[in-house]
Amino acid sequence: MEPTYKVRVCRGPSCGDETHSQRLAAEFHHLLEDRGLSQIEMGWHSCYGRCTKGPNVLVRKVGNEPTRRRFTLATQPLGRGAKATMYSHVITIVDVADIVTEHLEAGRIVRRLMERPSGRMQQPGQSKKDGE
């Protein structure tokens, strides 16, 4: 079965080891296996260059893969209709469960885990207009 999404958990030196991204990756694996989501490909990324915002998780819809280059940093996807989402401050197993349930199963982005351009996290129920 072809993967529908690729999920990459940051394991860089700051946000990876210090904030236990290995535990988050294990929880992703556990939930995906329990729910029979074998079409989701899990993996690691060494650094997104966003260590103060970590742990970071990139969810990318398959088919939107950039050409591979050696030693590059991933950048946060921009614009409407992007096929990738960068989640920041993914700290708890509830955060992981929300990404699996909402994004990977239902196709809805978990906005509370996305950082707004101003550097602030969007609060649940807050519209763009409210936060400006």
Protein backbone atom coordinates (compact mmCIF):
# COMPACT_ATOMS: atom_id res chain seq x y z
CA MET A 1 0.00 0.00 0.00
CA GLU A 2 1.37 3.40 -0.99
CA PRO A 3 1.80 5.88 1.87
CA THR A 4 -0.73 8.72 2.00
CA TYR A 5 1.26 10.85 4.44
CA LYS A 6 4.83 11.04 5.65
CA VAL A 7 5.32 12.11 9.25
CA ARG A 8 8.75 13.36 10.31
CA VAL A 9 9.56 13.98 13.96
CA CYS A 10 12.49 16.26 14.76
CA ARG A 11 15.29 14.63 16.67
CA GLY A 12 17.77 17.47 16.69
CA PRO A 13 20.03 18.02 19.69
CA SER A 14 17.85 20.61 21.43
CA CYS A 15 14.27 19.83 20.64
CA GLY A 16 14.87 16.13 20.12
CA ASP A 17 16.79 14.85 23.10
CA GLU A 18 15.83 17.52 25.62
CA THR A 19 12.11 17.34 24.93
CA HIS A 20 11.85 13.59 24.39
CA SER A 21 10.89 13.43 20.71
CA GLN A 22 11.75 9.72 20.79
CA ARG A 23 8.80 9.19 23.16
CA LEU A 24 6.54 11.13 20.76
CA ALA A 25 7.69 9.05 17.78
CA ALA A 26 6.97 5.88 19.75
CA GLU A 27 3.46 7.16 20.50
CA PHE A 28 2.91 7.92 16.79
CA HIS A 29 4.00 4.35 15.92
CA HIS A 30 1.72 2.90 18.62
CA LEU A 31 -1.37 4.86 17.52
CA LEU A 32 -0.81 4.20 13.82
CA GLU A 33 -0.45 0.47 14.48
CA ASP A 34 -3.51 0.36 16.77
CA ARG A 35 -5.66 2.12 14.18
CA GLY A 36 -4.39 0.08 11.24
CA LEU A 37 -2.91 3.10 9.47
CA SER A 38 -0.12 1.24 7.69
CA GLN A 39 -0.23 3.73 4.80
CA ILE A 40 1.34 6.42 7.03
CA GLU A 41 5.14 6.48 6.75
CA MET A 42 6.96 7.49 9.94
CA GLY A 43 10.49 8.82 10.08
CA TRP A 44 12.96 11.21 11.65
CA HIS A 45 14.43 14.51 10.57
CA SER A 46 17.65 15.68 12.14
CA CYS A 47 16.79 19.39 12.41
CA TYR A 48 14.20 21.83 11.13
CA GLY A 49 16.11 24.83 12.45
CA ARG A 50 13.25 25.61 14.85
CA CYS A 51 14.73 24.21 18.07
CA THR A 52 13.10 26.76 20.39
CA LYS A 53 9.72 25.72 19.01
CA GLY A 54 10.25 21.98 19.34
CA PRO A 55 9.56 19.24 19.33
CA ASN A 56 8.48 19.81 15.74
CA VAL A 57 6.54 17.39 13.55
CA LEU A 58 6.18 17.74 9.80
CA VAL A 59 3.18 16.05 8.17
CA ARG A 60 3.52 15.92 4.40
CA LYS A 61 0.97 14.53 1.97
CA VAL A 62 2.67 12.12 -0.40
CA GLY A 63 3.21 13.52 -3.87
CA ASN A 64 4.51 16.86 -2.59
CA GLU A 65 8.08 15.67 -2.09
CA PRO A 66 10.80 18.15 -3.03
CA THR A 67 13.86 16.94 -4.89
CA ARG A 68 16.26 15.45 -2.35
CA ARG A 69 19.35 17.45 -1.57
CA ARG A 70 22.09 16.66 0.85
CA PHE A 71 22.46 18.65 4.07
CA THR A 72 19.47 20.94 3.77
CA LEU A 73 17.10 22.16 6.43
CA ALA A 74 13.39 21.78 5.93
CA THR A 75 11.43 25.00 5.82
CA GLN A 76 7.93 25.58 7.07
CA PRO A 77 5.38 25.20 4.29
CA LEU A 78 3.65 28.43 3.32
CA GLY A 79 0.46 29.40 1.59
CA ARG A 80 -3.04 28.04 1.32
CA GLY A 81 -3.48 24.60 -0.07
CA ALA A 82 -0.01 23.51 1.01
CA LYS A 83 0.36 19.75 1.19
CA ALA A 84 2.57 19.92 4.27
CA THR A 85 2.04 21.17 7.80
CA MET A 86 4.66 21.97 10.43
CA TYR A 87 3.48 21.40 13.97
CA SER A 88 5.37 23.07 16.83
CA HIS A 89 5.53 22.39 20.55
CA VAL A 90 4.22 18.83 20.11
CA ILE A 91 4.80 17.87 23.71
CA THR A 92 2.10 15.51 24.98
CA ILE A 93 0.61 12.24 23.82
CA VAL A 94 -2.67 14.17 23.49
CA ASP A 95 -0.95 16.35 20.86
CA VAL A 96 0.15 13.21 19.01
CA ALA A 97 -3.34 11.69 19.25
CA ASP A 98 -4.87 14.91 17.89
CA ILE A 99 -2.51 14.89 14.89
CA VAL A 100 -3.32 11.24 14.16
CA THR A 101 -7.09 11.61 14.63
CA GLU A 102 -7.62 15.01 13.05
CA HIS A 103 -4.92 15.31 10.38
CA LEU A 104 -3.98 11.78 9.38
CA GLU A 105 -7.43 10.19 9.65
CA ALA A 106 -9.80 13.11 8.95
CA GLY A 107 -7.58 15.38 6.82
CA ARG A 108 -8.07 18.41 9.11
CA ILE A 109 -5.10 20.47 10.28
CA VAL A 110 -4.68 20.79 14.06
CA ARG A 111 -4.45 24.58 14.18
CA ARG A 112 -3.68 24.80 17.91
CA LEU A 113 -0.29 23.17 17.20
CA MET A 114 0.65 25.54 14.40
CA GLU A 115 2.64 28.66 15.07
CA ARG A 116 1.26 31.81 13.56
CA PRO A 117 3.62 34.14 11.66
CA SER A 118 3.69 36.50 14.67
CA GLY A 119 5.35 33.72 16.67
CA ARG A 120 2.26 33.03 18.79
CA MET A 121 0.38 29.77 18.86
CA GLN A 122 -3.26 29.97 17.77
CA GLN A 123 -5.68 29.38 20.62
CA PRO A 124 -8.60 26.97 20.16
CA GLY A 125 -11.62 28.80 18.75
CA GLN A 126 -9.55 31.85 17.83
CA SER A 127 -10.01 33.14 14.30
CA LYS A 128 -7.32 34.93 12.35
CA LYS A 129 -9.13 38.21 12.90
CA ASP A 130 -9.21 37.72 16.71
CA GLY A 131 -5.46 37.22 16.97
CA GLU A 132 -4.40 40.22 14.90
